[in-house]
Amino acid sequence: TFQYTLEVKGVRDFTINAFQKGDAIYEGKTENLLGTIVDIKTTPAQKYLADATGEIVLTQVPEQYDLSLIIECNGVKSDKGLETPTGEKISLNKTINIFNKYCKTDFYIKNINK
């Protein structure tokens, strides 16, 4: 068993509310089970933008958030790395299309806790 963090930046309330602790998460193309959500974290989204003077500053984006899902998986470590029981490869910075019963979107794998 291991946990990994999926992250997507700049989403709205609908996407955040579509994911709940305990939800099963599936891979978008193969529909293979990737694991179960054990924790959810949100932070206000930020972007670098030019202010009135032309200076580039980090600014909070209204009504957008960065969403992190902590996924637990009964996977295995193989010679190819970490894999889910259905053979999906879990590797850092990999972009993966996921879905649950309410939402489908692209996340990237930010962290892996073995």
PDB file of N, CA and C in Angstrom:
ATOM      1  N   THR A   1       0.846  -1.185   0.000  1.00  0.00           N
ATOM      2  CA  THR A   1       0.000   0.000   0.000  1.00  0.00           C
ATOM      3  C   THR A   1       0.887   1.243   0.000  1.00  0.00           C
ATOM      4  N   PHE A   2       0.520   2.225  -0.818  1.00  0.00           N
ATOM      5  CA  PHE A   2       1.230   3.498  -0.814  1.00  0.00           C
ATOM      6  C   PHE A   2       0.227   4.619  -1.089  1.00  0.00           C
ATOM      7  N   GLN A   3       0.652   5.851  -0.811  1.00  0.00           N
ATOM      8  CA  GLN A   3      -0.168   7.023  -1.076  1.00  0.00           C
ATOM      9  C   GLN A   3       0.559   7.928  -2.052  1.00  0.00           C
ATOM     10  N   TYR A   4      -0.206   8.632  -2.859  1.00  0.00           N
ATOM     11  CA  TYR A   4       0.376   9.618  -3.760  1.00  0.00           C
ATOM     12  C   TYR A   4      -0.569  10.804  -3.872  1.00  0.00           C
ATOM     13  N   THR A   5      -0.014  11.942  -4.257  1.00  0.00           N
ATOM     14  CA  THR A   5      -0.785  13.183  -4.339  1.00  0.00           C
ATOM     15  C   THR A   5      -0.973  13.584  -5.792  1.00  0.00           C
ATOM     16  N   LEU A   6      -2.224  13.804  -6.166  1.00  0.00           N
ATOM     17  CA  LEU A   6      -2.573  14.342  -7.475  1.00  0.00           C
ATOM     18  C   LEU A   6      -2.900  15.816  -7.298  1.00  0.00           C
ATOM     19  N   GLU A   7      -2.463  16.656  -8.247  1.00  0.00           N
ATOM     20  CA  GLU A   7      -2.752  18.080  -8.127  1.00  0.00           C
ATOM     21  C   GLU A   7      -3.195  18.646  -9.469  1.00  0.00           C
ATOM     22  N   VAL A   8      -4.134  19.573  -9.399  1.00  0.00           N
ATOM     23  CA  VAL A   8      -4.566  20.348 -10.557  1.00  0.00           C
ATOM     24  C   VAL A   8      -4.662  21.799 -10.099  1.00  0.00           C
ATOM     25  N   LYS A   9      -4.272  22.723 -10.979  1.00  0.00           N
ATOM     26  CA  LYS A   9      -4.259  24.138 -10.623  1.00  0.00           C
ATOM     27  C   LYS A   9      -5.367  24.888 -11.354  1.00  0.00           C
ATOM     28  N   GLY A  10      -5.916  25.873 -10.667  1.00  0.00           N
ATOM     29  CA  GLY A  10      -6.857  26.793 -11.288  1.00  0.00           C
ATOM     30  C   GLY A  10      -8.231  26.233 -11.592  1.00  0.00           C
ATOM     31  N   VAL A  11      -8.795  25.449 -10.673  1.00  0.00           N
ATOM     32  CA  VAL A  11     -10.139  24.906 -10.885  1.00  0.00           C
ATOM     33  C   VAL A  11     -11.168  25.721 -10.092  1.00  0.00           C
ATOM     34  N   ARG A  12     -12.412  25.533 -10.436  1.00  0.00           N
ATOM     35  CA  ARG A  12     -13.505  26.252  -9.769  1.00  0.00           C
ATOM     36  C   ARG A  12     -14.172  25.358  -8.721  1.00  0.00           C
ATOM     37  N   ASP A  13     -15.127  25.913  -8.006  1.00  0.00           N
ATOM     38  CA  ASP A  13     -15.826  25.208  -6.930  1.00  0.00           C
ATOM     39  C   ASP A  13     -16.415  23.870  -7.378  1.00  0.00           C
ATOM     40  N   PHE A  14     -16.968  23.831  -8.595  1.00  0.00           N
ATOM     41  CA  PHE A  14     -17.604  22.602  -9.060  1.00  0.00           C
ATOM     42  C   PHE A  14     -16.644  21.418  -8.996  1.00  0.00           C
ATOM     43  N   THR A  15     -15.418  21.623  -9.470  1.00  0.00           N
ATOM     44  CA  THR A  15     -14.428  20.539  -9.480  1.00  0.00           C
ATOM     45  C   THR A  15     -14.059  20.136  -8.057  1.00  0.00           C
ATOM     46  N   ILE A  16     -13.870  21.099  -7.189  1.00  0.00           N
ATOM     47  CA  ILE A  16     -13.531  20.796  -5.796  1.00  0.00           C
ATOM     48  C   ILE A  16     -14.656  19.984  -5.145  1.00  0.00           C
ATOM     49  N   ASN A  17     -15.879  20.413  -5.342  1.00  0.00           N
ATOM     50  CA  ASN A  17     -17.020  19.749  -4.712  1.00  0.00           C
ATOM     51  C   ASN A  17     -17.316  18.382  -5.307  1.00  0.00           C
ATOM     52  N   ALA A  18     -16.791  18.100  -6.493  1.00  0.00           N
ATOM     53  CA  ALA A  18     -17.045  16.809  -7.157  1.00  0.00           C
ATOM     54  C   ALA A  18     -16.252  15.661  -6.532  1.00  0.00           C
ATOM     55  N   PHE A  19     -15.202  15.984  -5.775  1.00  0.00           N
ATOM     56  CA  PHE A  19     -14.368  14.952  -5.159  1.00  0.00           C
ATOM     57  C   PHE A  19     -14.577  14.931  -3.655  1.00  0.00           C
ATOM     58  N   GLN A  20     -14.792  13.739  -3.103  1.00  0.00           N
ATOM     59  CA  GLN A  20     -15.020  13.562  -1.667  1.00  0.00           C
ATOM     60  C   GLN A  20     -14.109  12.461  -1.130  1.00  0.00           C
ATOM     61  N   LYS A  21     -13.749  12.579   0.154  1.00  0.00           N
ATOM     62  CA  LYS A  21     -12.997  11.496   0.796  1.00  0.00           C
ATOM     63  C   LYS A  21     -13.775  10.198   0.654  1.00  0.00           C
ATOM     64  N   GLY A  22     -13.052   9.129   0.341  1.00  0.00           N
ATOM     65  CA  GLY A  22     -13.682   7.822   0.171  1.00  0.00           C
ATOM     66  C   GLY A  22     -14.056   7.498  -1.260  1.00  0.00           C
ATOM     67  N   ASP A  23     -14.032   8.500  -2.153  1.00  0.00           N
ATOM     68  CA  ASP A  23     -14.361   8.249  -3.561  1.00  0.00           C
ATOM     69  C   ASP A  23     -13.296   7.375  -4.217  1.00  0.00           C
ATOM     70  N   ALA A  24     -13.731   6.444  -5.040  1.00  0.00           N
ATOM     71  CA  ALA A  24     -12.829   5.680  -5.896  1.00  0.00           C
ATOM     72  C   ALA A  24     -12.456   6.560  -7.086  1.00  0.00           C
ATOM     73  N   ILE A  25     -11.182   6.504  -7.481  1.00  0.00           N
ATOM     74  CA  ILE A  25     -10.673   7.287  -8.605  1.00  0.00           C
ATOM     75  C   ILE A  25     -10.214   6.330  -9.694  1.00  0.00           C
ATOM     76  N   TYR A  26     -10.581   6.646 -10.937  1.00  0.00           N
ATOM     77  CA  TYR A  26     -10.276   5.784 -12.073  1.00  0.00           C
ATOM     78  C   TYR A  26      -9.468   6.538 -13.124  1.00  0.00           C
ATOM     79  N   GLU A  27      -8.675   5.806 -13.893  1.00  0.00           N
ATOM     80  CA  GLU A  27      -7.905   6.378 -14.996  1.00  0.00           C
ATOM     81  C   GLU A  27      -8.853   6.627 -16.160  1.00  0.00           C
ATOM     82  N   GLY A  28      -8.726   7.779 -16.822  1.00  0.00           N
ATOM     83  CA  GLY A  28      -9.689   8.213 -17.814  1.00  0.00           C
ATOM     84  C   GLY A  28      -9.800   7.373 -19.070  1.00  0.00           C
ATOM     85  N   LYS A  29      -8.713   6.800 -19.559  1.00  0.00           N
ATOM     86  CA  LYS A  29      -8.765   6.036 -20.808  1.00  0.00           C
ATOM     87  C   LYS A  29      -9.034   4.555 -20.572  1.00  0.00           C
ATOM     88  N   THR A  30      -8.318   3.982 -19.604  1.00  0.00           N
ATOM     89  CA  THR A  30      -8.450   2.540 -19.371  1.00  0.00           C
ATOM     90  C   THR A  30      -9.601   2.208 -18.425  1.00  0.00           C
ATOM     91  N   GLU A  31     -10.039   3.216 -17.655  1.00  0.00           N
ATOM     92  CA  GLU A  31     -11.062   3.048 -16.620  1.00  0.00           C
ATOM     93  C   GLU A  31     -10.599   2.123 -15.490  1.00  0.00           C
ATOM     94  N   ASN A  32      -9.282   1.948 -15.356  1.00  0.00           N
ATOM     95  CA  ASN A  32      -8.722   1.143 -14.273  1.00  0.00           C
ATOM     96  C   ASN A  32      -8.756   1.921 -12.967  1.00  0.00           C
ATOM     97  N   LEU A  33      -8.982   1.225 -11.871  1.00  0.00           N
ATOM     98  CA  LEU A  33      -8.995   1.835 -10.546  1.00  0.00           C
ATOM     99  C   LEU A  33      -7.586   2.298 -10.181  1.00  0.00           C
ATOM    100  N   LEU A  34      -7.481   3.568  -9.742  1.00  0.00           N
ATOM    101  CA  LEU A  34      -6.198   4.132  -9.320  1.00  0.00           C
ATOM    102  C   LEU A  34      -6.053   4.177  -7.809  1.00  0.00           C
ATOM    103  N   GLY A  35      -7.157   4.089  -7.083  1.00  0.00           N
ATOM    104  CA  GLY A  35      -7.121   4.144  -5.632  1.00  0.00           C
ATOM    105  C   GLY A  35      -8.321   4.888  -5.082  1.00  0.00           C
ATOM    106  N   THR A  36      -8.223   5.231  -3.794  1.00  0.00           N
ATOM    107  CA  THR A  36      -9.318   5.887  -3.078  1.00  0.00           C
ATOM    108  C   THR A  36      -8.812   7.188  -2.464  1.00  0.00           C
ATOM    109  N   ILE A  37      -9.627   8.232  -2.508  1.00  0.00           N
ATOM    110  CA  ILE A  37      -9.257   9.518  -1.906  1.00  0.00           C
ATOM    111  C   ILE A  37      -9.274   9.387  -0.387  1.00  0.00           C
ATOM    112  N   VAL A  38      -8.139   9.721   0.256  1.00  0.00           N
ATOM    113  CA  VAL A  38      -8.077   9.702   1.719  1.00  0.00           C
ATOM    114  C   VAL A  38      -7.990  11.117   2.302  1.00  0.00           C
ATOM    115  N   ASP A  39      -7.638  12.104   1.477  1.00  0.00           N
ATOM    116  CA  ASP A  39      -7.598  13.483   1.953  1.00  0.00           C
ATOM    117  C   ASP A  39      -7.694  14.427   0.763  1.00  0.00           C
ATOM    118  N   ILE A  40      -8.205  15.628   1.026  1.00  0.00           N
ATOM    119  CA  ILE A  40      -8.376  16.649   0.003  1.00  0.00           C
ATOM    120  C   ILE A  40      -7.868  17.965   0.568  1.00  0.00           C
ATOM    121  N   LYS A  41      -7.069  18.690  -0.228  1.00  0.00           N
ATOM    122  CA  LYS A  41      -6.561  19.987   0.202  1.00  0.00           C
ATOM    123  C   LYS A  41      -6.787  20.996  -0.915  1.00  0.00           C
ATOM    124  N   THR A  42      -7.192  22.207  -0.543  1.00  0.00           N
ATOM    125  CA  THR A  42      -7.361  23.278  -1.514  1.00  0.00           C
ATOM    126  C   THR A  42      -6.626  24.520  -1.030  1.00  0.00           C
ATOM    127  N   THR A  43      -6.114  25.274  -1.977  1.00  0.00           N
ATOM    128  CA  THR A  43      -5.500  26.572  -1.704  1.00  0.00           C
ATOM    129  C   THR A  43      -5.952  27.532  -2.792  1.00  0.00           C
ATOM    130  N   PRO A  44      -6.012  28.827  -2.495  1.00  0.00           N
ATOM    131  CA  PRO A  44      -6.370  29.789  -3.541  1.00  0.00           C
ATOM    132  C   PRO A  44      -5.343  29.730  -4.684  1.00  0.00           C
ATOM    133  N   ALA A  45      -5.835  29.771  -5.907  1.00  0.00           N
ATOM    134  CA  ALA A  45      -4.945  29.752  -7.071  1.00  0.00           C
ATOM    135  C   ALA A  45      -4.220  31.088  -7.182  1.00  0.00           C
ATOM    136  N   GLN A  46      -2.976  31.036  -7.655  1.00  0.00           N
ATOM    137  CA  GLN A  46      -2.182  32.245  -7.836  1.00  0.00           C
ATOM    138  C   GLN A  46      -1.523  32.224  -9.210  1.00  0.00           C
ATOM    139  N   LYS A  47      -1.341  33.410  -9.777  1.00  0.00           N
ATOM    140  CA  LYS A  47      -0.660  33.567 -11.064  1.00  0.00           C
ATOM    141  C   LYS A  47       0.216  34.809 -10.997  1.00  0.00           C
ATOM    142  N   TYR A  48       1.272  34.794 -11.818  1.00  0.00           N
ATOM    143  CA  TYR A  48       2.084  35.990 -11.974  1.00  0.00           C
ATOM    144  C   TYR A  48       1.444  36.864 -13.049  1.00  0.00           C
ATOM    145  N   LEU A  49       1.127  38.108 -12.663  1.00  0.00           N
ATOM    146  CA  LEU A  49       0.520  39.067 -13.578  1.00  0.00           C
ATOM    147  C   LEU A  49       1.205  40.418 -13.438  1.00  0.00           C
ATOM    148  N   ALA A  50       1.085  41.239 -14.469  1.00  0.00           N
ATOM    149  CA  ALA A  50       1.633  42.594 -14.411  1.00  0.00           C
ATOM    150  C   ALA A  50       0.654  43.494 -13.669  1.00  0.00           C
ATOM    151  N   ASP A  51       1.182  44.285 -12.730  1.00  0.00           N
ATOM    152  CA  ASP A  51       0.320  45.243 -12.035  1.00  0.00           C
ATOM    153  C   ASP A  51       0.246  46.549 -12.839  1.00  0.00           C
ATOM    154  N   ALA A  52      -0.359  47.584 -12.275  1.00  0.00           N
ATOM    155  CA  ALA A  52      -0.569  48.850 -12.986  1.00  0.00           C
ATOM    156  C   ALA A  52       0.740  49.524 -13.390  1.00  0.00           C
ATOM    157  N   THR A  53       1.824  49.219 -12.666  1.00  0.00           N
ATOM    158  CA  THR A  53       3.121  49.832 -12.982  1.00  0.00           C
ATOM    159  C   THR A  53       3.937  48.980 -13.953  1.00  0.00           C
ATOM    160  N   GLY A  54       3.416  47.818 -14.310  1.00  0.00           N
ATOM    161  CA  GLY A  54       4.137  46.924 -15.213  1.00  0.00           C
ATOM    162  C   GLY A  54       5.003  45.905 -14.501  1.00  0.00           C
ATOM    163  N   GLU A  55       5.038  45.978 -13.178  1.00  0.00           N
ATOM    164  CA  GLU A  55       5.823  45.024 -12.391  1.00  0.00           C
ATOM    165  C   GLU A  55       5.076  43.690 -12.332  1.00  0.00           C
ATOM    166  N   ILE A  56       5.818  42.598 -12.455  1.00  0.00           N
ATOM    167  CA  ILE A  56       5.232  41.258 -12.375  1.00  0.00           C
ATOM    168  C   ILE A  56       5.111  40.861 -10.907  1.00  0.00           C
ATOM    169  N   VAL A  57       3.869  40.550 -10.485  1.00  0.00           N
ATOM    170  CA  VAL A  57       3.614  40.192  -9.084  1.00  0.00           C
ATOM    171  C   VAL A  57       2.764  38.933  -9.025  1.00  0.00           C
ATOM    172  N   LEU A  58       2.924  38.181  -7.946  1.00  0.00           N
ATOM    173  CA  LEU A  58       2.113  36.990  -7.707  1.00  0.00           C
ATOM    174  C   LEU A  58       0.767  37.439  -7.160  1.00  0.00           C
ATOM    175  N   THR A  59      -0.311  37.076  -7.855  1.00  0.00           N
ATOM    176  CA  THR A  59      -1.645  37.552  -7.529  1.00  0.00           C
ATOM    177  C   THR A  59      -2.603  36.385  -7.365  1.00  0.00           C
ATOM    178  N   GLN A  60      -3.490  36.496  -6.399  1.00  0.00           N
ATOM    179  CA  GLN A  60      -4.529  35.478  -6.203  1.00  0.00           C
ATOM    180  C   GLN A  60      -5.569  35.604  -7.317  1.00  0.00           C
ATOM    181  N   VAL A  61      -5.959  34.467  -7.886  1.00  0.00           N
ATOM    182  CA  VAL A  61      -6.953  34.447  -8.967  1.00  0.00           C
ATOM    183  C   VAL A  61      -8.342  34.282  -8.349  1.00  0.00           C
ATOM    184  N   PRO A  62      -9.247  35.214  -8.593  1.00  0.00           N
ATOM    185  CA  PRO A  62     -10.588  35.120  -7.987  1.00  0.00           C
ATOM    186  C   PRO A  62     -11.324  33.854  -8.430  1.00  0.00           C
ATOM    187  N   GLU A  63     -11.969  33.206  -7.477  1.00  0.00           N
ATOM    188  CA  GLU A  63     -12.834  32.053  -7.709  1.00  0.00           C
ATOM    189  C   GLU A  63     -12.132  30.854  -8.345  1.00  0.00           C
ATOM    190  N   GLN A  64     -10.811  30.781  -8.215  1.00  0.00           N
ATOM    191  CA  GLN A  64     -10.074  29.612  -8.695  1.00  0.00           C
ATOM    192  C   GLN A  64      -9.196  29.083  -7.569  1.00  0.00           C
ATOM    193  N   TYR A  65      -8.995  27.750  -7.603  1.00  0.00           N
ATOM    194  CA  TYR A  65      -8.270  27.080  -6.528  1.00  0.00           C
ATOM    195  C   TYR A  65      -7.330  26.024  -7.099  1.00  0.00           C
ATOM    196  N   ASP A  66      -6.306  25.703  -6.328  1.00  0.00           N
ATOM    197  CA  ASP A  66      -5.453  24.556  -6.613  1.00  0.00           C
ATOM    198  C   ASP A  66      -5.956  23.420  -5.742  1.00  0.00           C
ATOM    199  N   LEU A  67      -6.159  22.258  -6.341  1.00  0.00           N
ATOM    200  CA  LEU A  67      -6.759  21.118  -5.662  1.00  0.00           C
ATOM    201  C   LEU A  67      -5.775  19.968  -5.603  1.00  0.00           C
ATOM    202  N   SER A  68      -5.574  19.425  -4.401  1.00  0.00           N
ATOM    203  CA  SER A  68      -4.737  18.238  -4.205  1.00  0.00           C
ATOM    204  C   SER A  68      -5.584  17.110  -3.649  1.00  0.00           C
ATOM    205  N   LEU A  69      -5.452  15.943  -4.256  1.00  0.00           N
ATOM    206  CA  LEU A  69      -6.119  14.732  -3.774  1.00  0.00           C
ATOM    207  C   LEU A  69      -5.052  13.758  -3.315  1.00  0.00           C
ATOM    208  N   ILE A  70      -5.148  13.283  -2.076  1.00  0.00           N
ATOM    209  CA  ILE A  70      -4.236  12.251  -1.586  1.00  0.00           C
ATOM    210  C   ILE A  70      -4.935  10.921  -1.817  1.00  0.00           C
ATOM    211  N   ILE A  71      -4.299  10.072  -2.613  1.00  0.00           N
ATOM    212  CA  ILE A  71      -4.879   8.804  -3.038  1.00  0.00           C
ATOM    213  C   ILE A  71      -4.139   7.659  -2.361  1.00  0.00           C
ATOM    214  N   GLU A  72      -4.887   6.704  -1.821  1.00  0.00           N
ATOM    215  CA  GLU A  72      -4.282   5.492  -1.263  1.00  0.00           C
ATOM    216  C   GLU A  72      -4.545   4.344  -2.233  1.00  0.00           C
ATOM    217  N   CYS A  73      -3.503   3.555  -2.447  1.00  0.00           N
ATOM    218  CA  CYS A  73      -3.573   2.497  -3.444  1.00  0.00           C
ATOM    219  C   CYS A  73      -2.927   1.231  -2.897  1.00  0.00           C
ATOM    220  N   ASN A  74      -3.562   0.102  -3.101  1.00  0.00           N
ATOM    221  CA  ASN A  74      -2.979  -1.189  -2.721  1.00  0.00           C
ATOM    222  C   ASN A  74      -2.108  -1.696  -3.851  1.00  0.00           C
ATOM    223  N   GLY A  75      -1.154  -0.871  -4.252  1.00  0.00           N
ATOM    224  CA  GLY A  75      -0.297  -1.190  -5.383  1.00  0.00           C
ATOM    225  C   GLY A  75       0.924  -1.972  -4.991  1.00  0.00           C
ATOM    226  N   VAL A  76       1.779  -2.147  -5.964  1.00  0.00           N
ATOM    227  CA  VAL A  76       2.994  -2.928  -5.775  1.00  0.00           C
ATOM    228  C   VAL A  76       4.191  -2.185  -6.347  1.00  0.00           C
ATOM    229  N   LYS A  77       5.354  -2.502  -5.812  1.00  0.00           N
ATOM    230  CA  LYS A  77       6.591  -1.983  -6.358  1.00  0.00           C
ATOM    231  C   LYS A  77       7.168  -3.064  -7.258  1.00  0.00           C
ATOM    232  N   SER A  78       7.412  -2.700  -8.508  1.00  0.00           N
ATOM    233  CA  SER A  78       7.963  -3.669  -9.456  1.00  0.00           C
ATOM    234  C   SER A  78       9.252  -3.112 -10.039  1.00  0.00           C
ATOM    235  N   ASP A  79       9.858  -3.853 -10.959  1.00  0.00           N
ATOM    236  CA  ASP A  79      11.073  -3.358 -11.601  1.00  0.00           C
ATOM    237  C   ASP A  79      10.780  -2.140 -12.479  1.00  0.00           C
ATOM    238  N   LYS A  80       9.525  -1.869 -12.762  1.00  0.00           N
ATOM    239  CA  LYS A  80       9.113  -0.708 -13.560  1.00  0.00           C
ATOM    240  C   LYS A  80       8.731   0.473 -12.681  1.00  0.00           C
ATOM    241  N   GLY A  81       8.775   0.323 -11.352  1.00  0.00           N
ATOM    242  CA  GLY A  81       8.381   1.376 -10.425  1.00  0.00           C
ATOM    243  C   GLY A  81       7.138   0.987  -9.657  1.00  0.00           C
ATOM    244  N   LEU A  82       6.362   1.983  -9.253  1.00  0.00           N
ATOM    245  CA  LEU A  82       5.125   1.726  -8.515  1.00  0.00           C
ATOM    246  C   LEU A  82       3.970   1.537  -9.488  1.00  0.00           C
ATOM    247  N   GLU A  83       3.126   0.565  -9.191  1.00  0.00           N
ATOM    248  CA  GLU A  83       1.976   0.286 -10.040  1.00  0.00           C
ATOM    249  C   GLU A  83       0.750   0.027  -9.179  1.00  0.00           C
ATOM    250  N   THR A  84      -0.404   0.374  -9.736  1.00  0.00           N
ATOM    251  CA  THR A  84      -1.670   0.023  -9.094  1.00  0.00           C
ATOM    252  C   THR A  84      -1.908  -1.469  -9.333  1.00  0.00           C
ATOM    253  N   PRO A  85      -2.848  -2.077  -8.619  1.00  0.00           N
ATOM    254  CA  PRO A  85      -3.139  -3.494  -8.857  1.00  0.00           C
ATOM    255  C   PRO A  85      -3.553  -3.800 -10.301  1.00  0.00           C
ATOM    256  N   THR A  86      -4.071  -2.777 -11.006  1.00  0.00           N
ATOM    257  CA  THR A  86      -4.493  -2.980 -12.393  1.00  0.00           C
ATOM    258  C   THR A  86      -3.382  -2.674 -13.393  1.00  0.00           C
ATOM    259  N   GLY A  87      -2.170  -2.353 -12.887  1.00  0.00           N
ATOM    260  CA  GLY A  87      -1.024  -2.161 -13.764  1.00  0.00           C
ATOM    261  C   GLY A  87      -0.753  -0.734 -14.201  1.00  0.00           C
ATOM    262  N   GLU A  88      -1.509   0.247 -13.681  1.00  0.00           N
ATOM    263  CA  GLU A  88      -1.242   1.645 -14.023  1.00  0.00           C
ATOM    264  C   GLU A  88       0.048   2.093 -13.349  1.00  0.00           C
ATOM    265  N   LYS A  89       0.939   2.709 -14.100  1.00  0.00           N
ATOM    266  CA  LYS A  89       2.223   3.175 -13.565  1.00  0.00           C
ATOM    267  C   LYS A  89       2.024   4.513 -12.857  1.00  0.00           C
ATOM    268  N   ILE A  90       2.598   4.623 -11.665  1.00  0.00           N
ATOM    269  CA  ILE A  90       2.531   5.854 -10.872  1.00  0.00           C
ATOM    270  C   ILE A  90       3.937   6.424 -10.797  1.00  0.00           C
ATOM    271  N   SER A  91       4.144   7.595 -11.417  1.00  0.00           N
ATOM    272  CA  SER A  91       5.467   8.225 -11.403  1.00  0.00           C
ATOM    273  C   SER A  91       5.320   9.737 -11.256  1.00  0.00           C
ATOM    274  N   LEU A  92       6.318  10.359 -10.623  1.00  0.00           N
ATOM    275  CA  LEU A  92       6.280  11.796 -10.361  1.00  0.00           C
ATOM    276  C   LEU A  92       6.116  12.600 -11.641  1.00  0.00           C
ATOM    277  N   ASN A  93       5.328  13.656 -11.545  1.00  0.00           N
ATOM    278  CA  ASN A  93       5.094  14.626 -12.609  1.00  0.00           C
ATOM    279  C   ASN A  93       4.345  14.076 -13.813  1.00  0.00           C
ATOM    280  N   LYS A  94       3.901  12.847 -13.743  1.00  0.00           N
ATOM    281  CA  LYS A  94       3.104  12.272 -14.827  1.00  0.00           C
ATOM    282  C   LYS A  94       1.730  12.937 -14.831  1.00  0.00           C
ATOM    283  N   THR A  95       1.274  13.359 -15.995  1.00  0.00           N
ATOM    284  CA  THR A  95      -0.082  13.891 -16.130  1.00  0.00           C
ATOM    285  C   THR A  95      -1.012  12.727 -16.406  1.00  0.00           C
ATOM    286  N   ILE A  96      -2.117  12.722 -15.690  1.00  0.00           N
ATOM    287  CA  ILE A  96      -3.040  11.598 -15.793  1.00  0.00           C
ATOM    288  C   ILE A  96      -4.470  12.122 -15.792  1.00  0.00           C
ATOM    289  N   ASN A  97      -5.291  11.606 -16.682  1.00  0.00           N
ATOM    290  CA  ASN A  97      -6.697  11.960 -16.730  1.00  0.00           C
ATOM    291  C   ASN A  97      -7.429  11.027 -15.776  1.00  0.00           C
ATOM    292  N   ILE A  98      -8.155  11.602 -14.821  1.00  0.00           N
ATOM    293  CA  ILE A  98      -8.864  10.783 -13.836  1.00  0.00           C
ATOM    294  C   ILE A  98     -10.335  11.140 -13.818  1.00  0.00           C
ATOM    295  N   PHE A  99     -11.121  10.229 -13.244  1.00  0.00           N
ATOM    296  CA  PHE A  99     -12.527  10.533 -13.056  1.00  0.00           C
ATOM    297  C   PHE A  99     -13.080   9.774 -11.865  1.00  0.00           C
ATOM    298  N   ASN A 100     -14.183  10.308 -11.353  1.00  0.00           N
ATOM    299  CA  ASN A 100     -15.022   9.609 -10.386  1.00  0.00           C
ATOM    300  C   ASN A 100     -16.438   9.695 -10.931  1.00  0.00           C
ATOM    301  N   LYS A 101     -17.429   9.481 -10.115  1.00  0.00           N
ATOM    302  CA  LYS A 101     -18.796   9.471 -10.643  1.00  0.00           C
ATOM    303  C   LYS A 101     -19.331  10.862 -11.001  1.00  0.00           C
ATOM    304  N   TYR A 102     -18.616  11.940 -10.613  1.00  0.00           N
ATOM    305  CA  TYR A 102     -19.115  13.283 -10.867  1.00  0.00           C
ATOM    306  C   TYR A 102     -18.256  14.147 -11.782  1.00  0.00           C
ATOM    307  N   CYS A 103     -16.989  13.802 -11.953  1.00  0.00           N
ATOM    308  CA  CYS A 103     -16.076  14.718 -12.623  1.00  0.00           C
ATOM    309  C   CYS A 103     -14.957  13.956 -13.334  1.00  0.00           C
ATOM    310  N   LYS A 104     -14.462  14.543 -14.422  1.00  0.00           N
ATOM    311  CA  LYS A 104     -13.317  13.992 -15.149  1.00  0.00           C
ATOM    312  C   LYS A 104     -12.393  15.155 -15.490  1.00  0.00           C
ATOM    313  N   THR A 105     -11.116  15.052 -15.120  1.00  0.00           N
ATOM    314  CA  THR A 105     -10.176  16.137 -15.393  1.00  0.00           C
ATOM    315  C   THR A 105      -8.737  15.618 -15.341  1.00  0.00           C
ATOM    316  N   ASP A 106      -7.794  16.451 -15.810  1.00  0.00           N
ATOM    317  CA  ASP A 106      -6.376  16.091 -15.810  1.00  0.00           C
ATOM    318  C   ASP A 106      -5.699  16.585 -14.539  1.00  0.00           C
ATOM    319  N   PHE A 107      -4.941  15.713 -13.904  1.00  0.00           N
ATOM    320  CA  PHE A 107      -4.121  16.028 -12.734  1.00  0.00           C
ATOM    321  C   PHE A 107      -2.688  15.629 -13.061  1.00  0.00           C
ATOM    322  N   TYR A 108      -1.750  16.093 -12.256  1.00  0.00           N
ATOM    323  CA  TYR A 108      -0.398  15.551 -12.348  1.00  0.00           C
ATOM    324  C   TYR A 108      -0.024  14.968 -10.990  1.00  0.00           C
ATOM    325  N   ILE A 109       0.864  13.984 -11.017  1.00  0.00           N
ATOM    326  CA  ILE A 109       1.293  13.328  -9.784  1.00  0.00           C
ATOM    327  C   ILE A 109       2.393  14.182  -9.165  1.00  0.00           C
ATOM    328  N   LYS A 110       2.072  14.803  -8.037  1.00  0.00           N
ATOM    329  CA  LYS A 110       2.973  15.743  -7.380  1.00  0.00           C
ATOM    330  C   LYS A 110       3.919  15.070  -6.397  1.00  0.00           C
ATOM    331  N   ASN A 111       3.428  14.002  -5.737  1.00  0.00           N
ATOM    332  CA  ASN A 111       4.206  13.401  -4.659  1.00  0.00           C
ATOM    333  C   ASN A 111       3.832  11.937  -4.525  1.00  0.00           C
ATOM    334  N   ILE A 112       4.807  11.127  -4.095  1.00  0.00           N
ATOM    335  CA  ILE A 112       4.555   9.716  -3.824  1.00  0.00           C
ATOM    336  C   ILE A 112       5.122   9.394  -2.452  1.00  0.00           C
ATOM    337  N   ASN A 113       4.280   8.831  -1.573  1.00  0.00           N
ATOM    338  CA  ASN A 113       4.716   8.393  -0.245  1.00  0.00           C
ATOM    339  C   ASN A 113       4.684   6.878  -0.235  1.00  0.00           C
ATOM    340  N   LYS A 114       5.848   6.271  -0.185  1.00  0.00           N
ATOM    341  CA  LYS A 114       5.921   4.794  -0.244  1.00  0.00           C
ATOM    342  C   LYS A 114       5.695   4.187   1.114  1.00  0.00           C
TER     343      LYS A 114
END
